[in-house]
């Protein structure tokens, strides 16, 4: 006797397995997706070449995300995160220098604060937008 409910579609089986793996892997790797101040400083001061390469990729993603957010805010007519960013400033090496200087100025920043948040604040401080006063 054949089972009553039998999946005969191999494509549906692959989709279900892929979805299950994606959920399991995203839950398992969630802590690795967050880089905080302490991890940034550790990699920057004593990291090996592979760690520094991953840091560069991570920071490129941070820069891309902040630029995309800035453009979206501009399209919506809302206040941008930062303004007057020169094209030459868009390298990860430049961002690392800015972050190190920012962290030196503000040493009380908690070690567990996201390096993406710190990057946003550093860019906003370095390239402030004009604030319009409405009466």
C-alpha atoms as a PDB file:
ATOM      1  CA  UNK A   1       0.000   0.000   0.000  1.00  0.00           C
ATOM      2  CA  UNK A   2       1.334   3.436  -1.029  1.00  0.00           C
ATOM      3  CA  UNK A   3       1.533   6.305   1.462  1.00  0.00           C
ATOM      4  CA  UNK A   4      -1.364   8.701   1.229  1.00  0.00           C
ATOM      5  CA  UNK A   5       0.715  11.891   1.160  1.00  0.00           C
ATOM      6  CA  UNK A   6       3.744  11.468  -0.993  1.00  0.00           C
ATOM      7  CA  UNK A   7       5.828  14.275  -2.426  1.00  0.00           C
ATOM      8  CA  UNK A   8       6.683  13.335  -5.973  1.00  0.00           C
ATOM      9  CA  UNK A   9       8.135  16.737  -6.923  1.00  0.00           C
ATOM     10  CA  UNK A  10      11.931  16.707  -6.435  1.00  0.00           C
ATOM     11  CA  UNK A  11      12.102  20.466  -7.047  1.00  0.00           C
ATOM     12  CA  UNK A  12       9.776  21.105  -4.095  1.00  0.00           C
ATOM     13  CA  UNK A  13      11.911  18.839  -1.909  1.00  0.00           C
ATOM     14  CA  UNK A  14      15.050  20.806  -2.850  1.00  0.00           C
ATOM     15  CA  UNK A  15      13.292  24.109  -2.100  1.00  0.00           C
ATOM     16  CA  UNK A  16      12.163  22.874   1.319  1.00  0.00           C
ATOM     17  CA  UNK A  17      15.627  21.571   2.194  1.00  0.00           C
ATOM     18  CA  UNK A  18      17.264  24.808   1.012  1.00  0.00           C
ATOM     19  CA  UNK A  19      14.839  26.898   3.067  1.00  0.00           C
ATOM     20  CA  UNK A  20      15.459  24.761   6.146  1.00  0.00           C
ATOM     21  CA  UNK A  21      19.236  25.032   5.724  1.00  0.00           C
ATOM     22  CA  UNK A  22      18.996  28.797   5.255  1.00  0.00           C
ATOM     23  CA  UNK A  23      17.033  29.163   8.486  1.00  0.00           C
ATOM     24  CA  UNK A  24      19.424  26.927  10.420  1.00  0.00           C
ATOM     25  CA  UNK A  25      22.558  28.583   9.038  1.00  0.00           C
ATOM     26  CA  UNK A  26      21.277  32.097   9.614  1.00  0.00           C
ATOM     27  CA  UNK A  27      20.471  31.274  13.230  1.00  0.00           C
ATOM     28  CA  UNK A  28      23.856  29.641  13.774  1.00  0.00           C
ATOM     29  CA  UNK A  29      25.880  32.432  12.197  1.00  0.00           C
ATOM     30  CA  UNK A  30      23.986  35.429  13.605  1.00  0.00           C
ATOM     31  CA  UNK A  31      26.701  36.364  16.149  1.00  0.00           C
ATOM     32  CA  UNK A  32      29.330  36.309  13.401  1.00  0.00           C
ATOM     33  CA  UNK A  33      27.379  38.918  11.437  1.00  0.00           C
ATOM     34  CA  UNK A  34      27.914  41.605  14.096  1.00  0.00           C
ATOM     35  CA  UNK A  35      31.239  43.379  14.410  1.00  0.00           C
ATOM     36  CA  UNK A  36      31.600  45.553  17.472  1.00  0.00           C
ATOM     37  CA  UNK A  37      34.235  48.051  18.585  1.00  0.00           C
ATOM     38  CA  UNK A  38      36.268  45.424  20.461  1.00  0.00           C
ATOM     39  CA  UNK A  39      36.424  43.038  17.477  1.00  0.00           C
ATOM     40  CA  UNK A  40      37.322  45.880  15.093  1.00  0.00           C
ATOM     41  CA  UNK A  41      40.195  47.038  17.314  1.00  0.00           C
ATOM     42  CA  UNK A  42      41.426  43.481  17.836  1.00  0.00           C
ATOM     43  CA  UNK A  43      41.552  42.771  14.102  1.00  0.00           C
ATOM     44  CA  UNK A  44      43.040  46.167  13.290  1.00  0.00           C
ATOM     45  CA  UNK A  45      45.809  45.899  15.897  1.00  0.00           C
ATOM     46  CA  UNK A  46      46.692  42.203  15.857  1.00  0.00           C
ATOM     47  CA  UNK A  47      44.764  40.539  13.052  1.00  0.00           C
ATOM     48  CA  UNK A  48      46.387  38.400  10.382  1.00  0.00           C
ATOM     49  CA  UNK A  49      46.055  39.024   6.645  1.00  0.00           C
ATOM     50  CA  UNK A  50      42.927  36.892   6.308  1.00  0.00           C
ATOM     51  CA  UNK A  51      41.211  38.708   9.179  1.00  0.00           C
ATOM     52  CA  UNK A  52      42.159  42.088   7.737  1.00  0.00           C
ATOM     53  CA  UNK A  53      40.802  41.044   4.350  1.00  0.00           C
ATOM     54  CA  UNK A  54      37.494  40.059   5.972  1.00  0.00           C
ATOM     55  CA  UNK A  55      37.484  43.374   7.848  1.00  0.00           C
ATOM     56  CA  UNK A  56      37.887  45.207   4.539  1.00  0.00           C
ATOM     57  CA  UNK A  57      34.974  43.265   3.016  1.00  0.00           C
ATOM     58  CA  UNK A  58      32.821  43.915   6.086  1.00  0.00           C
ATOM     59  CA  UNK A  59      33.607  47.644   6.067  1.00  0.00           C
ATOM     60  CA  UNK A  60      32.910  47.839   2.321  1.00  0.00           C
ATOM     61  CA  UNK A  61      29.466  46.466   3.114  1.00  0.00           C
ATOM     62  CA  UNK A  62      29.035  49.039   5.891  1.00  0.00           C
ATOM     63  CA  UNK A  63      30.014  51.852   3.511  1.00  0.00           C
ATOM     64  CA  UNK A  64      27.678  50.567   0.805  1.00  0.00           C
ATOM     65  CA  UNK A  65      24.815  50.312   3.297  1.00  0.00           C
ATOM     66  CA  UNK A  66      25.383  53.814   4.662  1.00  0.00           C
ATOM     67  CA  UNK A  67      25.593  55.264   1.142  1.00  0.00           C
ATOM     68  CA  UNK A  68      22.392  53.467   0.131  1.00  0.00           C
ATOM     69  CA  UNK A  69      20.615  54.708   3.263  1.00  0.00           C
ATOM     70  CA  UNK A  70      21.824  58.225   2.574  1.00  0.00           C
ATOM     71  CA  UNK A  71      20.507  58.144  -0.994  1.00  0.00           C
ATOM     72  CA  UNK A  72      17.173  56.714   0.139  1.00  0.00           C
ATOM     73  CA  UNK A  73      16.798  59.469   2.749  1.00  0.00           C
ATOM     74  CA  UNK A  74      17.631  62.061   0.087  1.00  0.00           C
ATOM     75  CA  UNK A  75      14.970  60.636  -2.267  1.00  0.00           C
ATOM     76  CA  UNK A  76      12.420  60.788   0.548  1.00  0.00           C
ATOM     77  CA  UNK A  77      13.298  64.415   1.279  1.00  0.00           C
ATOM     78  CA  UNK A  78      14.477  63.535   4.777  1.00  0.00           C
ATOM     79  CA  UNK A  79      17.673  64.555   6.566  1.00  0.00           C
ATOM     80  CA  UNK A  80      20.689  62.607   5.358  1.00  0.00           C
ATOM     81  CA  UNK A  81      23.132  60.822   7.641  1.00  0.00           C
ATOM     82  CA  UNK A  82      26.123  62.712   6.243  1.00  0.00           C
ATOM     83  CA  UNK A  83      26.822  65.243   3.483  1.00  0.00           C
ATOM     84  CA  UNK A  84      29.622  66.412   1.177  1.00  0.00           C
ATOM     85  CA  UNK A  85      31.419  63.093   1.151  1.00  0.00           C
ATOM     86  CA  UNK A  86      34.293  63.297  -1.345  1.00  0.00           C
ATOM     87  CA  UNK A  87      34.562  60.437  -3.823  1.00  0.00           C
ATOM     88  CA  UNK A  88      38.119  59.705  -2.680  1.00  0.00           C
ATOM     89  CA  UNK A  89      36.850  58.994   0.842  1.00  0.00           C
ATOM     90  CA  UNK A  90      35.007  55.844  -0.110  1.00  0.00           C
ATOM     91  CA  UNK A  91      37.783  53.334   0.534  1.00  0.00           C
ATOM     92  CA  UNK A  92      37.922  50.911   3.417  1.00  0.00           C
ATOM     93  CA  UNK A  93      41.431  52.139   4.260  1.00  0.00           C
ATOM     94  CA  UNK A  94      40.066  55.667   4.662  1.00  0.00           C
ATOM     95  CA  UNK A  95      37.201  54.398   6.834  1.00  0.00           C
ATOM     96  CA  UNK A  96      39.617  52.477   9.070  1.00  0.00           C
ATOM     97  CA  UNK A  97      41.651  55.660   9.602  1.00  0.00           C
ATOM     98  CA  UNK A  98      38.473  57.609  10.401  1.00  0.00           C
ATOM     99  CA  UNK A  99      37.259  54.939  12.805  1.00  0.00           C
ATOM    100  CA  UNK A 100      40.575  54.779  14.659  1.00  0.00           C
ATOM    101  CA  UNK A 101      40.626  58.571  15.043  1.00  0.00           C
ATOM    102  CA  UNK A 102      36.970  58.620  16.119  1.00  0.00           C
ATOM    103  CA  UNK A 103      37.509  55.870  18.688  1.00  0.00           C
ATOM    104  CA  UNK A 104      40.543  57.700  20.049  1.00  0.00           C
ATOM    105  CA  UNK A 105      38.496  60.908  20.469  1.00  0.00           C
ATOM    106  CA  UNK A 106      35.589  59.060  22.070  1.00  0.00           C
ATOM    107  CA  UNK A 107      37.247  56.352  24.134  1.00  0.00           C
ATOM    108  CA  UNK A 108      34.098  55.906  26.272  1.00  0.00           C
ATOM    109  CA  UNK A 109      32.240  54.272  23.356  1.00  0.00           C
ATOM    110  CA  UNK A 110      31.164  50.845  24.660  1.00  0.00           C
ATOM    111  CA  UNK A 111      33.116  47.846  23.348  1.00  0.00           C
ATOM    112  CA  UNK A 112      29.931  46.062  22.291  1.00  0.00           C
ATOM    113  CA  UNK A 113      28.603  48.910  20.104  1.00  0.00           C
ATOM    114  CA  UNK A 114      28.317  47.966  16.428  1.00  0.00           C
ATOM    115  CA  UNK A 115      31.128  49.234  14.232  1.00  0.00           C
ATOM    116  CA  UNK A 116      28.451  50.131  11.640  1.00  0.00           C
ATOM    117  CA  UNK A 117      26.802  52.516  14.130  1.00  0.00           C
ATOM    118  CA  UNK A 118      30.197  53.970  15.019  1.00  0.00           C
ATOM    119  CA  UNK A 119      30.945  54.383  11.295  1.00  0.00           C
ATOM    120  CA  UNK A 120      27.684  56.237  10.775  1.00  0.00           C
ATOM    121  CA  UNK A 121      28.457  58.587  13.667  1.00  0.00           C
ATOM    122  CA  UNK A 122      32.033  59.143  12.465  1.00  0.00           C
ATOM    123  CA  UNK A 123      30.813  60.028   8.956  1.00  0.00           C
ATOM    124  CA  UNK A 124      28.119  62.347  10.341  1.00  0.00           C
ATOM    125  CA  UNK A 125      30.736  64.137  12.436  1.00  0.00           C
ATOM    126  CA  UNK A 126      33.286  64.339   9.610  1.00  0.00           C
ATOM    127  CA  UNK A 127      30.751  65.425   6.964  1.00  0.00           C
ATOM    128  CA  UNK A 128      27.867  67.201   8.742  1.00  0.00           C
ATOM    129  CA  UNK A 129      24.820  68.377   6.858  1.00  0.00           C
ATOM    130  CA  UNK A 130      23.522  71.925   7.075  1.00  0.00           C
ATOM    131  CA  UNK A 131      20.591  72.053   9.425  1.00  0.00           C
ATOM    132  CA  UNK A 132      17.748  74.255   8.317  1.00  0.00           C
ATOM    133  CA  UNK A 133      15.871  76.028  11.086  1.00  0.00           C
ATOM    134  CA  UNK A 134      12.130  76.258  10.565  1.00  0.00           C
ATOM    135  CA  UNK A 135      10.276  79.062  12.394  1.00  0.00           C
END
